[in-house]
């Protein structure tokens, strides 16, 4: 299954790509908000892992754009941030995020479990 990882922190990209690929997921990574919609349309992921704090366009705006586009609005989006900001969490869930994970509180294994809970199975 295919996962679009939207993350700008280099070390997190490396760790998450390695773990997800070991779990037999196909991973494509983009590092800024402006690149997400073109990547979603060309890669056609089964799930999107979306950082909230991104260069060029923030993750909440990207999430709103995804959910407003009928071609891709069905794709589950797990939003992630280092911020446990209640307002951002509520906003992400209201916009249609499947979940909001605080990266510092959820190890990569929990993220993989959340992906599987959402019905995305490794190939």
PDB file of N, CA and C in Angstrom:
ATOM      1  N   UNK A   1       0.827  -1.173   0.000  1.00  0.00           N
ATOM      2  CA  UNK A   1       0.000   0.000   0.000  1.00  0.00           C
ATOM      3  C   UNK A   1       0.878   1.245   0.000  1.00  0.00           C
ATOM      4  N   UNK A   2       0.299   2.324  -0.437  1.00  0.00           N
ATOM      5  CA  UNK A   2       1.075   3.542  -0.659  1.00  0.00           C
ATOM      6  C   UNK A   2       0.763   4.615   0.388  1.00  0.00           C
ATOM      7  N   UNK A   3       1.848   5.204   0.908  1.00  0.00           N
ATOM      8  CA  UNK A   3       1.729   6.251   1.913  1.00  0.00           C
ATOM      9  C   UNK A   3       2.453   7.494   1.405  1.00  0.00           C
ATOM     10  N   UNK A   4       1.757   8.622   1.445  1.00  0.00           N
ATOM     11  CA  UNK A   4       2.388   9.901   1.170  1.00  0.00           C
ATOM     12  C   UNK A   4       2.771  10.502   2.509  1.00  0.00           C
ATOM     13  N   UNK A   5       4.071  10.703   2.708  1.00  0.00           N
ATOM     14  CA  UNK A   5       4.601  11.291   3.927  1.00  0.00           C
ATOM     15  C   UNK A   5       4.902  12.760   3.647  1.00  0.00           C
ATOM     16  N   UNK A   6       4.266  13.636   4.396  1.00  0.00           N
ATOM     17  CA  UNK A   6       4.479  15.073   4.237  1.00  0.00           C
ATOM     18  C   UNK A   6       5.168  15.559   5.498  1.00  0.00           C
ATOM     19  N   UNK A   7       6.474  15.763   5.393  1.00  0.00           N
ATOM     20  CA  UNK A   7       7.305  16.093   6.561  1.00  0.00           C
ATOM     21  C   UNK A   7       8.525  16.871   6.079  1.00  0.00           C
ATOM     22  N   UNK A   8       8.900  17.924   6.809  1.00  0.00           N
ATOM     23  CA  UNK A   8      10.047  18.731   6.408  1.00  0.00           C
ATOM     24  C   UNK A   8      11.286  18.521   7.276  1.00  0.00           C
ATOM     25  N   UNK A   9      11.159  17.821   8.392  1.00  0.00           N
ATOM     26  CA  UNK A   9      12.310  17.585   9.259  1.00  0.00           C
ATOM     27  C   UNK A   9      13.087  16.370   8.754  1.00  0.00           C
ATOM     28  N   UNK A  10      14.329  16.600   8.315  1.00  0.00           N
ATOM     29  CA  UNK A  10      15.150  15.582   7.658  1.00  0.00           C
ATOM     30  C   UNK A  10      15.279  14.297   8.477  1.00  0.00           C
ATOM     31  N   UNK A  11      15.575  14.406   9.757  1.00  0.00           N
ATOM     32  CA  UNK A  11      15.775  13.205  10.571  1.00  0.00           C
ATOM     33  C   UNK A  11      14.488  12.395  10.690  1.00  0.00           C
ATOM     34  N   UNK A  12      13.362  13.074  10.832  1.00  0.00           N
ATOM     35  CA  UNK A  12      12.081  12.353  10.895  1.00  0.00           C
ATOM     36  C   UNK A  12      11.754  11.681   9.574  1.00  0.00           C
ATOM     37  N   UNK A  13      12.062  12.350   8.479  1.00  0.00           N
ATOM     38  CA  UNK A  13      11.830  11.746   7.162  1.00  0.00           C
ATOM     39  C   UNK A  13      12.612  10.446   7.057  1.00  0.00           C
ATOM     40  N   UNK A  14      13.874  10.485   7.409  1.00  0.00           N
ATOM     41  CA  UNK A  14      14.735   9.300   7.300  1.00  0.00           C
ATOM     42  C   UNK A  14      14.215   8.150   8.170  1.00  0.00           C
ATOM     43  N   UNK A  15      13.904   8.441   9.420  1.00  0.00           N
ATOM     44  CA  UNK A  15      13.433   7.412  10.355  1.00  0.00           C
ATOM     45  C   UNK A  15      12.096   6.835   9.880  1.00  0.00           C
ATOM     46  N   UNK A  16      11.180   7.714   9.503  1.00  0.00           N
ATOM     47  CA  UNK A  16       9.849   7.237   9.106  1.00  0.00           C
ATOM     48  C   UNK A  16       9.891   6.471   7.791  1.00  0.00           C
ATOM     49  N   UNK A  17      10.648   6.963   6.816  1.00  0.00           N
ATOM     50  CA  UNK A  17      10.754   6.229   5.546  1.00  0.00           C
ATOM     51  C   UNK A  17      11.315   4.833   5.777  1.00  0.00           C
ATOM     52  N   UNK A  18      12.392   4.736   6.558  1.00  0.00           N
ATOM     53  CA  UNK A  18      13.014   3.428   6.804  1.00  0.00           C
ATOM     54  C   UNK A  18      12.034   2.468   7.484  1.00  0.00           C
ATOM     55  N   UNK A  19      11.345   2.943   8.497  1.00  0.00           N
ATOM     56  CA  UNK A  19      10.404   2.082   9.231  1.00  0.00           C
ATOM     57  C   UNK A  19       9.241   1.660   8.333  1.00  0.00           C
ATOM     58  N   UNK A  20       8.652   2.605   7.629  1.00  0.00           N
ATOM     59  CA  UNK A  20       7.500   2.279   6.780  1.00  0.00           C
ATOM     60  C   UNK A  20       7.894   1.334   5.647  1.00  0.00           C
ATOM     61  N   UNK A  21       9.060   1.525   5.072  1.00  0.00           N
ATOM     62  CA  UNK A  21       9.511   0.620   4.011  1.00  0.00           C
ATOM     63  C   UNK A  21       9.810  -0.770   4.561  1.00  0.00           C
ATOM     64  N   UNK A  22      10.361  -0.852   5.786  1.00  0.00           N
ATOM     65  CA  UNK A  22      10.577  -2.173   6.421  1.00  0.00           C
ATOM     66  C   UNK A  22       9.243  -2.878   6.663  1.00  0.00           C
ATOM     67  N   UNK A  23       8.191  -2.102   6.878  1.00  0.00           N
ATOM     68  CA  UNK A  23       6.854  -2.659   7.097  1.00  0.00           C
ATOM     69  C   UNK A  23       6.147  -2.962   5.771  1.00  0.00           C
ATOM     70  N   UNK A  24       6.877  -2.823   4.669  1.00  0.00           N
ATOM     71  CA  UNK A  24       6.402  -3.163   3.315  1.00  0.00           C
ATOM     72  C   UNK A  24       5.417  -2.162   2.722  1.00  0.00           C
ATOM     73  N   UNK A  25       5.456  -0.911   3.196  1.00  0.00           N
ATOM     74  CA  UNK A  25       4.672   0.145   2.576  1.00  0.00           C
ATOM     75  C   UNK A  25       5.513   0.826   1.498  1.00  0.00           C
ATOM     76  N   UNK A  26       4.861   1.289   0.457  1.00  0.00           N
ATOM     77  CA  UNK A  26       5.528   2.107  -0.554  1.00  0.00           C
ATOM     78  C   UNK A  26       5.367   3.560  -0.106  1.00  0.00           C
ATOM     79  N   UNK A  27       6.486   4.283   0.003  1.00  0.00           N
ATOM     80  CA  UNK A  27       6.456   5.621   0.574  1.00  0.00           C
ATOM     81  C   UNK A  27       6.967   6.654  -0.425  1.00  0.00           C
ATOM     82  N   UNK A  28       6.229   7.745  -0.538  1.00  0.00           N
ATOM     83  CA  UNK A  28       6.693   8.925  -1.268  1.00  0.00           C
ATOM     84  C   UNK A  28       6.679  10.064  -0.263  1.00  0.00           C
ATOM     85  N   UNK A  29       7.725  10.889  -0.282  1.00  0.00           N
ATOM     86  CA  UNK A  29       7.835  11.989   0.663  1.00  0.00           C
ATOM     87  C   UNK A  29       7.837  13.320  -0.064  1.00  0.00           C
ATOM     88  N   UNK A  30       7.082  14.261   0.477  1.00  0.00           N
ATOM     89  CA  UNK A  30       7.162  15.657   0.046  1.00  0.00           C
ATOM     90  C   UNK A  30       7.452  16.494   1.281  1.00  0.00           C
ATOM     91  N   UNK A  31       8.115  17.635   1.075  1.00  0.00           N
ATOM     92  CA  UNK A  31       8.629  18.394   2.211  1.00  0.00           C
ATOM     93  C   UNK A  31       8.027  19.784   2.382  1.00  0.00           C
ATOM     94  N   UNK A  32       7.045  20.140   1.564  1.00  0.00           N
ATOM     95  CA  UNK A  32       6.395  21.434   1.753  1.00  0.00           C
ATOM     96  C   UNK A  32       4.934  21.335   1.335  1.00  0.00           C
ATOM     97  N   UNK A  33       4.144  22.262   1.854  1.00  0.00           N
ATOM     98  CA  UNK A  33       2.708  22.225   1.630  1.00  0.00           C
ATOM     99  C   UNK A  33       2.287  22.391   0.183  1.00  0.00           C
ATOM    100  N   UNK A  34       3.033  23.176  -0.584  1.00  0.00           N
ATOM    101  CA  UNK A  34       2.673  23.394  -1.986  1.00  0.00           C
ATOM    102  C   UNK A  34       2.803  22.133  -2.840  1.00  0.00           C
ATOM    103  N   UNK A  35       3.616  21.191  -2.406  1.00  0.00           N
ATOM    104  CA  UNK A  35       3.870  19.980  -3.199  1.00  0.00           C
ATOM    105  C   UNK A  35       2.871  18.855  -2.954  1.00  0.00           C
ATOM    106  N   UNK A  36       2.013  19.018  -1.956  1.00  0.00           N
ATOM    107  CA  UNK A  36       1.152  17.905  -1.539  1.00  0.00           C
ATOM    108  C   UNK A  36       0.107  17.536  -2.587  1.00  0.00           C
ATOM    109  N   UNK A  37      -0.711  18.484  -3.026  1.00  0.00           N
ATOM    110  CA  UNK A  37      -1.795  18.124  -3.963  1.00  0.00           C
ATOM    111  C   UNK A  37      -1.276  17.500  -5.250  1.00  0.00           C
ATOM    112  N   UNK A  38      -0.234  18.067  -5.894  1.00  0.00           N
ATOM    113  CA  UNK A  38       0.291  17.382  -7.087  1.00  0.00           C
ATOM    114  C   UNK A  38       0.784  15.965  -6.773  1.00  0.00           C
ATOM    115  N   UNK A  39       1.421  15.783  -5.605  1.00  0.00           N
ATOM    116  CA  UNK A  39       1.919  14.452  -5.236  1.00  0.00           C
ATOM    117  C   UNK A  39       0.772  13.484  -4.989  1.00  0.00           C
ATOM    118  N   UNK A  40      -0.286  13.950  -4.341  1.00  0.00           N
ATOM    119  CA  UNK A  40      -1.447  13.081  -4.093  1.00  0.00           C
ATOM    120  C   UNK A  40      -2.030  12.618  -5.427  1.00  0.00           C
ATOM    121  N   UNK A  41      -2.168  13.537  -6.368  1.00  0.00           N
ATOM    122  CA  UNK A  41      -2.794  13.190  -7.645  1.00  0.00           C
ATOM    123  C   UNK A  41      -1.910  12.291  -8.506  1.00  0.00           C
ATOM    124  N   UNK A  42      -0.598  12.445  -8.424  1.00  0.00           N
ATOM    125  CA  UNK A  42       0.274  11.600  -9.249  1.00  0.00           C
ATOM    126  C   UNK A  42       0.589  10.262  -8.584  1.00  0.00           C
ATOM    127  N   UNK A  43       0.713  10.236  -7.260  1.00  0.00           N
ATOM    128  CA  UNK A  43       1.102   9.028  -6.520  1.00  0.00           C
ATOM    129  C   UNK A  43      -0.107   8.188  -6.109  1.00  0.00           C
ATOM    130  N   UNK A  44      -1.267   8.832  -5.927  1.00  0.00           N
ATOM    131  CA  UNK A  44      -2.500   8.157  -5.532  1.00  0.00           C
ATOM    132  C   UNK A  44      -2.307   7.293  -4.277  1.00  0.00           C
ATOM    133  N   UNK A  45      -1.946   7.930  -3.142  1.00  0.00           N
ATOM    134  CA  UNK A  45      -1.684   7.155  -1.918  1.00  0.00           C
ATOM    135  C   UNK A  45      -2.952   6.594  -1.308  1.00  0.00           C
ATOM    136  N   UNK A  46      -2.762   5.565  -0.480  1.00  0.00           N
ATOM    137  CA  UNK A  46      -3.862   4.986   0.280  1.00  0.00           C
ATOM    138  C   UNK A  46      -4.096   5.750   1.576  1.00  0.00           C
ATOM    139  N   UNK A  47      -3.059   6.451   2.042  1.00  0.00           N
ATOM    140  CA  UNK A  47      -3.145   7.252   3.267  1.00  0.00           C
ATOM    141  C   UNK A  47      -2.089   8.354   3.187  1.00  0.00           C
ATOM    142  N   UNK A  48      -2.374   9.451   3.889  1.00  0.00           N
ATOM    143  CA  UNK A  48      -1.451  10.587   3.928  1.00  0.00           C
ATOM    144  C   UNK A  48      -1.082  10.852   5.380  1.00  0.00           C
ATOM    145  N   UNK A  49       0.225  10.936   5.651  1.00  0.00           N
ATOM    146  CA  UNK A  49       0.731  11.363   6.956  1.00  0.00           C
ATOM    147  C   UNK A  49       1.154  12.816   6.778  1.00  0.00           C
ATOM    148  N   UNK A  50       0.458  13.730   7.412  1.00  0.00           N
ATOM    149  CA  UNK A  50       0.602  15.156   7.134  1.00  0.00           C
ATOM    150  C   UNK A  50       1.058  15.939   8.355  1.00  0.00           C
ATOM    151  N   UNK A  51       2.272  16.493   8.268  1.00  0.00           N
ATOM    152  CA  UNK A  51       2.769  17.386   9.309  1.00  0.00           C
ATOM    153  C   UNK A  51       1.966  18.685   9.262  1.00  0.00           C
ATOM    154  N   UNK A  52       1.749  19.293  10.400  1.00  0.00           N
ATOM    155  CA  UNK A  52       0.988  20.543  10.452  1.00  0.00           C
ATOM    156  C   UNK A  52       1.873  21.754  10.151  1.00  0.00           C
ATOM    157  N   UNK A  53       3.089  21.763  10.672  1.00  0.00           N
ATOM    158  CA  UNK A  53       3.996  22.891  10.465  1.00  0.00           C
ATOM    159  C   UNK A  53       4.875  22.577   9.259  1.00  0.00           C
ATOM    160  N   UNK A  54       4.603  23.275   8.145  1.00  0.00           N
ATOM    161  CA  UNK A  54       5.308  23.030   6.888  1.00  0.00           C
ATOM    162  C   UNK A  54       5.715  24.352   6.245  1.00  0.00           C
ATOM    163  N   UNK A  55       6.772  24.318   5.432  1.00  0.00           N
ATOM    164  CA  UNK A  55       7.090  25.506   4.645  1.00  0.00           C
ATOM    165  C   UNK A  55       6.067  25.706   3.525  1.00  0.00           C
ATOM    166  N   UNK A  56       5.904  26.915   3.099  1.00  0.00           N
ATOM    167  CA  UNK A  56       5.080  27.349   1.961  1.00  0.00           C
ATOM    168  C   UNK A  56       3.590  27.357   2.238  1.00  0.00           C
ATOM    169  N   UNK A  57       3.036  26.282   2.787  1.00  0.00           N
ATOM    170  CA  UNK A  57       1.597  26.228   3.111  1.00  0.00           C
ATOM    171  C   UNK A  57       1.447  25.284   4.298  1.00  0.00           C
ATOM    172  N   UNK A  58       0.742  25.735   5.341  1.00  0.00           N
ATOM    173  CA  UNK A  58       0.666  24.898   6.536  1.00  0.00           C
ATOM    174  C   UNK A  58      -0.264  23.703   6.329  1.00  0.00           C
ATOM    175  N   UNK A  59      -0.080  22.696   7.179  1.00  0.00           N
ATOM    176  CA  UNK A  59      -0.793  21.437   7.034  1.00  0.00           C
ATOM    177  C   UNK A  59      -2.304  21.550   7.157  1.00  0.00           C
ATOM    178  N   UNK A  60      -2.785  22.486   7.958  1.00  0.00           N
ATOM    179  CA  UNK A  60      -4.241  22.635   8.070  1.00  0.00           C
ATOM    180  C   UNK A  60      -4.836  23.138   6.762  1.00  0.00           C
ATOM    181  N   UNK A  61      -4.146  24.056   6.083  1.00  0.00           N
ATOM    182  CA  UNK A  61      -4.631  24.523   4.781  1.00  0.00           C
ATOM    183  C   UNK A  61      -4.555  23.401   3.750  1.00  0.00           C
ATOM    184  N   UNK A  62      -3.469  22.621   3.799  1.00  0.00           N
ATOM    185  CA  UNK A  62      -3.330  21.480   2.896  1.00  0.00           C
ATOM    186  C   UNK A  62      -4.470  20.485   3.133  1.00  0.00           C
ATOM    187  N   UNK A  63      -4.771  20.204   4.394  1.00  0.00           N
ATOM    188  CA  UNK A  63      -5.862  19.292   4.727  1.00  0.00           C
ATOM    189  C   UNK A  63      -7.192  19.815   4.185  1.00  0.00           C
ATOM    190  N   UNK A  64      -7.436  21.100   4.354  1.00  0.00           N
ATOM    191  CA  UNK A  64      -8.666  21.700   3.822  1.00  0.00           C
ATOM    192  C   UNK A  64      -8.725  21.546   2.304  1.00  0.00           C
ATOM    193  N   UNK A  65      -7.597  21.745   1.632  1.00  0.00           N
ATOM    194  CA  UNK A  65      -7.540  21.597   0.173  1.00  0.00           C
ATOM    195  C   UNK A  65      -7.834  20.155  -0.251  1.00  0.00           C
ATOM    196  N   UNK A  66      -7.273  19.195   0.482  1.00  0.00           N
ATOM    197  CA  UNK A  66      -7.505  17.773   0.174  1.00  0.00           C
ATOM    198  C   UNK A  66      -8.991  17.441   0.332  1.00  0.00           C
ATOM    199  N   UNK A  67      -9.568  17.848   1.442  1.00  0.00           N
ATOM    200  CA  UNK A  67     -10.957  17.495   1.737  1.00  0.00           C
ATOM    201  C   UNK A  67     -11.939  18.240   0.829  1.00  0.00           C
ATOM    202  N   UNK A  68     -11.501  19.345   0.210  1.00  0.00           N
ATOM    203  CA  UNK A  68     -12.366  20.103  -0.708  1.00  0.00           C
ATOM    204  C   UNK A  68     -12.325  19.552  -2.131  1.00  0.00           C
ATOM    205  N   UNK A  69     -11.396  18.647  -2.404  1.00  0.00           N
ATOM    206  CA  UNK A  69     -11.215  18.103  -3.750  1.00  0.00           C
ATOM    207  C   UNK A  69     -11.879  16.718  -3.820  1.00  0.00           C
ATOM    208  N   UNK A  70     -12.975  16.617  -4.546  1.00  0.00           N
ATOM    209  CA  UNK A  70     -13.749  15.368  -4.567  1.00  0.00           C
ATOM    210  C   UNK A  70     -12.964  14.173  -5.114  1.00  0.00           C
ATOM    211  N   UNK A  71     -11.930  14.417  -5.911  1.00  0.00           N
ATOM    212  CA  UNK A  71     -11.123  13.306  -6.439  1.00  0.00           C
ATOM    213  C   UNK A  71     -10.285  12.632  -5.356  1.00  0.00           C
ATOM    214  N   UNK A  72      -9.907  13.379  -4.321  1.00  0.00           N
ATOM    215  CA  UNK A  72      -8.969  12.850  -3.325  1.00  0.00           C
ATOM    216  C   UNK A  72      -9.482  12.942  -1.889  1.00  0.00           C
ATOM    217  N   UNK A  73     -10.655  13.503  -1.690  1.00  0.00           N
ATOM    218  CA  UNK A  73     -11.151  13.740  -0.325  1.00  0.00           C
ATOM    219  C   UNK A  73     -11.375  12.455   0.474  1.00  0.00           C
ATOM    220  N   UNK A  74     -11.498  11.315  -0.214  1.00  0.00           N
ATOM    221  CA  UNK A  74     -11.727  10.030   0.469  1.00  0.00           C
ATOM    222  C   UNK A  74     -10.469   9.464   1.130  1.00  0.00           C
ATOM    223  N   UNK A  75      -9.299   9.977   0.775  1.00  0.00           N
ATOM    224  CA  UNK A  75      -8.039   9.431   1.294  1.00  0.00           C
ATOM    225  C   UNK A  75      -7.897   9.826   2.772  1.00  0.00           C
ATOM    226  N   UNK A  76      -7.699   8.845   3.664  1.00  0.00           N
ATOM    227  CA  UNK A  76      -7.525   9.179   5.081  1.00  0.00           C
ATOM    228  C   UNK A  76      -6.240   9.986   5.293  1.00  0.00           C
ATOM    229  N   UNK A  77      -6.346  10.985   6.160  1.00  0.00           N
ATOM    230  CA  UNK A  77      -5.197  11.836   6.489  1.00  0.00           C
ATOM    231  C   UNK A  77      -4.973  11.774   7.997  1.00  0.00           C
ATOM    232  N   UNK A  78      -3.763  11.367   8.381  1.00  0.00           N
ATOM    233  CA  UNK A  78      -3.353  11.436   9.782  1.00  0.00           C
ATOM    234  C   UNK A  78      -2.481  12.678   9.902  1.00  0.00           C
ATOM    235  N   UNK A  79      -2.938  13.639  10.694  1.00  0.00           N
ATOM    236  CA  UNK A  79      -2.147  14.840  10.901  1.00  0.00           C
ATOM    237  C   UNK A  79      -1.194  14.609  12.061  1.00  0.00           C
ATOM    238  N   UNK A  80      -0.008  15.215  11.950  1.00  0.00           N
ATOM    239  CA  UNK A  80       1.025  15.032  12.965  1.00  0.00           C
ATOM    240  C   UNK A  80       1.685  16.372  13.248  1.00  0.00           C
ATOM    241  N   UNK A  81       2.094  16.538  14.495  1.00  0.00           N
ATOM    242  CA  UNK A  81       2.801  17.751  14.866  1.00  0.00           C
ATOM    243  C   UNK A  81       3.575  17.499  16.147  1.00  0.00           C
ATOM    244  N   UNK A  82       4.513  18.369  16.431  1.00  0.00           N
ATOM    245  CA  UNK A  82       5.175  18.337  17.735  1.00  0.00           C
ATOM    246  C   UNK A  82       4.369  19.151  18.736  1.00  0.00           C
ATOM    247  N   UNK A  83       3.330  19.809  18.256  1.00  0.00           N
ATOM    248  CA  UNK A  83       2.497  20.648  19.107  1.00  0.00           C
ATOM    249  C   UNK A  83       1.282  19.874  19.591  1.00  0.00           C
ATOM    250  N   UNK A  84       1.023  19.918  20.878  1.00  0.00           N
ATOM    251  CA  UNK A  84      -0.178  19.308  21.424  1.00  0.00           C
ATOM    252  C   UNK A  84      -1.263  20.366  21.600  1.00  0.00           C
ATOM    253  N   UNK A  85      -1.288  21.314  20.703  1.00  0.00           N
ATOM    254  CA  UNK A  85      -2.182  22.469  20.754  1.00  0.00           C
ATOM    255  C   UNK A  85      -3.632  22.023  20.535  1.00  0.00           C
ATOM    256  N   UNK A  86      -4.460  22.172  21.564  1.00  0.00           N
ATOM    257  CA  UNK A  86      -5.856  21.730  21.483  1.00  0.00           C
ATOM    258  C   UNK A  86      -6.609  22.366  20.322  1.00  0.00           C
ATOM    259  N   UNK A  87      -6.358  23.633  20.058  1.00  0.00           N
ATOM    260  CA  UNK A  87      -7.049  24.313  18.957  1.00  0.00           C
ATOM    261  C   UNK A  87      -6.678  23.703  17.603  1.00  0.00           C
ATOM    262  N   UNK A  88      -5.398  23.392  17.410  1.00  0.00           N
ATOM    263  CA  UNK A  88      -4.961  22.775  16.152  1.00  0.00           C
ATOM    264  C   UNK A  88      -5.545  21.373  16.017  1.00  0.00           C
ATOM    265  N   UNK A  89      -5.581  20.634  17.122  1.00  0.00           N
ATOM    266  CA  UNK A  89      -6.156  19.287  17.101  1.00  0.00           C
ATOM    267  C   UNK A  89      -7.629  19.358  16.700  1.00  0.00           C
ATOM    268  N   UNK A  90      -8.376  20.241  17.357  1.00  0.00           N
ATOM    269  CA  UNK A  90      -9.805  20.390  17.038  1.00  0.00           C
ATOM    270  C   UNK A  90      -9.993  20.824  15.586  1.00  0.00           C
ATOM    271  N   UNK A  91      -9.157  21.763  15.122  1.00  0.00           N
ATOM    272  CA  UNK A  91      -9.279  22.248  13.739  1.00  0.00           C
ATOM    273  C   UNK A  91      -9.010  21.120  12.749  1.00  0.00           C
ATOM    274  N   UNK A  92      -7.969  20.322  12.995  1.00  0.00           N
ATOM    275  CA  UNK A  92      -7.624  19.226  12.087  1.00  0.00           C
ATOM    276  C   UNK A  92      -8.757  18.202  12.028  1.00  0.00           C
ATOM    277  N   UNK A  93      -9.294  17.838  13.167  1.00  0.00           N
ATOM    278  CA  UNK A  93     -10.378  16.851  13.197  1.00  0.00           C
ATOM    279  C   UNK A  93     -11.644  17.407  12.548  1.00  0.00           C
ATOM    280  N   UNK A  94     -11.911  18.688  12.767  1.00  0.00           N
ATOM    281  CA  UNK A  94     -13.085  19.316  12.153  1.00  0.00           C
ATOM    282  C   UNK A  94     -12.955  19.357  10.626  1.00  0.00           C
ATOM    283  N   UNK A  95     -11.716  19.539  10.143  1.00  0.00           N
ATOM    284  CA  UNK A  95     -11.476  19.567   8.698  1.00  0.00           C
ATOM    285  C   UNK A  95     -11.545  18.176   8.062  1.00  0.00           C
ATOM    286  N   UNK A  96     -11.573  17.124   8.897  1.00  0.00           N
ATOM    287  CA  UNK A  96     -11.725  15.782   8.354  1.00  0.00           C
ATOM    288  C   UNK A  96     -10.547  14.856   8.540  1.00  0.00           C
ATOM    289  N   UNK A  97      -9.566  15.255   9.351  1.00  0.00           N
ATOM    290  CA  UNK A  97      -8.432  14.359   9.624  1.00  0.00           C
ATOM    291  C   UNK A  97      -8.940  13.093  10.301  1.00  0.00           C
ATOM    292  N   UNK A  98      -8.364  11.952   9.940  1.00  0.00           N
ATOM    293  CA  UNK A  98      -8.722  10.683  10.574  1.00  0.00           C
ATOM    294  C   UNK A  98      -8.205  10.636  12.006  1.00  0.00           C
ATOM    295  N   UNK A  99      -7.085  11.344  12.263  1.00  0.00           N
ATOM    296  CA  UNK A  99      -6.505  11.394  13.602  1.00  0.00           C
ATOM    297  C   UNK A  99      -5.479  12.510  13.637  1.00  0.00           C
ATOM    298  N   UNK A 100      -5.060  12.878  14.851  1.00  0.00           N
ATOM    299  CA  UNK A 100      -4.037  13.892  15.079  1.00  0.00           C
ATOM    300  C   UNK A 100      -3.069  13.293  16.079  1.00  0.00           C
ATOM    301  N   UNK A 101      -1.825  13.123  15.670  1.00  0.00           N
ATOM    302  CA  UNK A 101      -0.827  12.526  16.551  1.00  0.00           C
ATOM    303  C   UNK A 101       0.240  13.548  16.899  1.00  0.00           C
ATOM    304  N   UNK A 102       0.582  13.633  18.185  1.00  0.00           N
ATOM    305  CA  UNK A 102       1.698  14.464  18.619  1.00  0.00           C
ATOM    306  C   UNK A 102       2.941  13.585  18.497  1.00  0.00           C
ATOM    307  N   UNK A 103       3.852  13.983  17.588  1.00  0.00           N
ATOM    308  CA  UNK A 103       4.994  13.128  17.247  1.00  0.00           C
ATOM    309  C   UNK A 103       5.833  12.734  18.459  1.00  0.00           C
ATOM    310  N   UNK A 104       6.008  13.659  19.393  1.00  0.00           N
ATOM    311  CA  UNK A 104       6.837  13.353  20.559  1.00  0.00           C
ATOM    312  C   UNK A 104       6.161  12.358  21.509  1.00  0.00           C
ATOM    313  N   UNK A 105       4.858  12.156  21.353  1.00  0.00           N
ATOM    314  CA  UNK A 105       4.122  11.237  22.232  1.00  0.00           C
ATOM    315  C   UNK A 105       3.776   9.914  21.560  1.00  0.00           C
ATOM    316  N   UNK A 106       4.067   9.793  20.270  1.00  0.00           N
ATOM    317  CA  UNK A 106       3.711   8.585  19.526  1.00  0.00           C
ATOM    318  C   UNK A 106       4.927   8.052  18.775  1.00  0.00           C
ATOM    319  N   UNK A 107       5.534   6.984  19.277  1.00  0.00           N
ATOM    320  CA  UNK A 107       6.657   6.395  18.552  1.00  0.00           C
ATOM    321  C   UNK A 107       6.203   5.875  17.183  1.00  0.00           C
ATOM    322  N   UNK A 108       7.150   5.673  16.306  1.00  0.00           N
ATOM    323  CA  UNK A 108       6.855   5.248  14.929  1.00  0.00           C
ATOM    324  C   UNK A 108       6.019   3.975  14.895  1.00  0.00           C
ATOM    325  N   UNK A 109       6.218   3.062  15.844  1.00  0.00           N
ATOM    326  CA  UNK A 109       5.413   1.826  15.866  1.00  0.00           C
ATOM    327  C   UNK A 109       3.932   2.137  16.064  1.00  0.00           C
ATOM    328  N   UNK A 110       3.626   3.143  16.868  1.00  0.00           N
ATOM    329  CA  UNK A 110       2.228   3.532  17.068  1.00  0.00           C
ATOM    330  C   UNK A 110       1.640   4.137  15.793  1.00  0.00           C
ATOM    331  N   UNK A 111       2.464   4.858  15.056  1.00  0.00           N
ATOM    332  CA  UNK A 111       1.998   5.431  13.793  1.00  0.00           C
ATOM    333  C   UNK A 111       1.674   4.309  12.812  1.00  0.00           C
ATOM    334  N   UNK A 112       2.524   3.306  12.742  1.00  0.00           N
ATOM    335  CA  UNK A 112       2.266   2.146  11.874  1.00  0.00           C
ATOM    336  C   UNK A 112       0.977   1.452  12.304  1.00  0.00           C
ATOM    337  N   UNK A 113       0.776   1.289  13.609  1.00  0.00           N
ATOM    338  CA  UNK A 113      -0.464   0.666  14.101  1.00  0.00           C
ATOM    339  C   UNK A 113      -1.684   1.491  13.714  1.00  0.00           C
ATOM    340  N   UNK A 114      -1.570   2.820  13.796  1.00  0.00           N
ATOM    341  CA  UNK A 114      -2.688   3.696  13.430  1.00  0.00           C
ATOM    342  C   UNK A 114      -3.001   3.553  11.945  1.00  0.00           C
ATOM    343  N   UNK A 115      -1.976   3.451  11.113  1.00  0.00           N
ATOM    344  CA  UNK A 115      -2.179   3.243   9.669  1.00  0.00           C
ATOM    345  C   UNK A 115      -2.966   1.953   9.463  1.00  0.00           C
ATOM    346  N   UNK A 116      -2.571   0.906  10.150  1.00  0.00           N
ATOM    347  CA  UNK A 116      -3.257  -0.382   9.992  1.00  0.00           C
ATOM    348  C   UNK A 116      -4.689  -0.323  10.539  1.00  0.00           C
ATOM    349  N   UNK A 117      -4.882   0.403  11.637  1.00  0.00           N
ATOM    350  CA  UNK A 117      -6.240   0.564  12.172  1.00  0.00           C
ATOM    351  C   UNK A 117      -7.168   1.204  11.148  1.00  0.00           C
ATOM    352  N   UNK A 118      -6.608   2.082  10.338  1.00  0.00           N
ATOM    353  CA  UNK A 118      -7.407   2.766   9.327  1.00  0.00           C
ATOM    354  C   UNK A 118      -7.626   1.894   8.082  1.00  0.00           C
ATOM    355  N   UNK A 119      -7.167   0.655   8.164  1.00  0.00           N
ATOM    356  CA  UNK A 119      -7.474  -0.282   7.096  1.00  0.00           C
ATOM    357  C   UNK A 119      -6.452  -0.366   5.993  1.00  0.00           C
ATOM    358  N   UNK A 120      -5.314   0.263   6.182  1.00  0.00           N
ATOM    359  CA  UNK A 120      -4.272   0.198   5.158  1.00  0.00           C
ATOM    360  C   UNK A 120      -3.356  -0.960   5.499  1.00  0.00           C
ATOM    361  N   UNK A 121      -3.342  -1.943   4.643  1.00  0.00           N
ATOM    362  CA  UNK A 121      -2.530  -3.136   4.878  1.00  0.00           C
ATOM    363  C   UNK A 121      -1.255  -3.101   4.043  1.00  0.00           C
ATOM    364  N   UNK A 122      -0.177  -3.591   4.595  1.00  0.00           N
ATOM    365  CA  UNK A 122       1.071  -3.679   3.843  1.00  0.00           C
ATOM    366  C   UNK A 122       0.870  -4.637   2.668  1.00  0.00           C
ATOM    367  N   UNK A 123       1.585  -4.357   1.590  1.00  0.00           N
ATOM    368  CA  UNK A 123       1.434  -5.217   0.401  1.00  0.00           C
ATOM    369  C   UNK A 123       2.102  -6.552   0.594  1.00  0.00           C
TER     370      UNK A 123
END
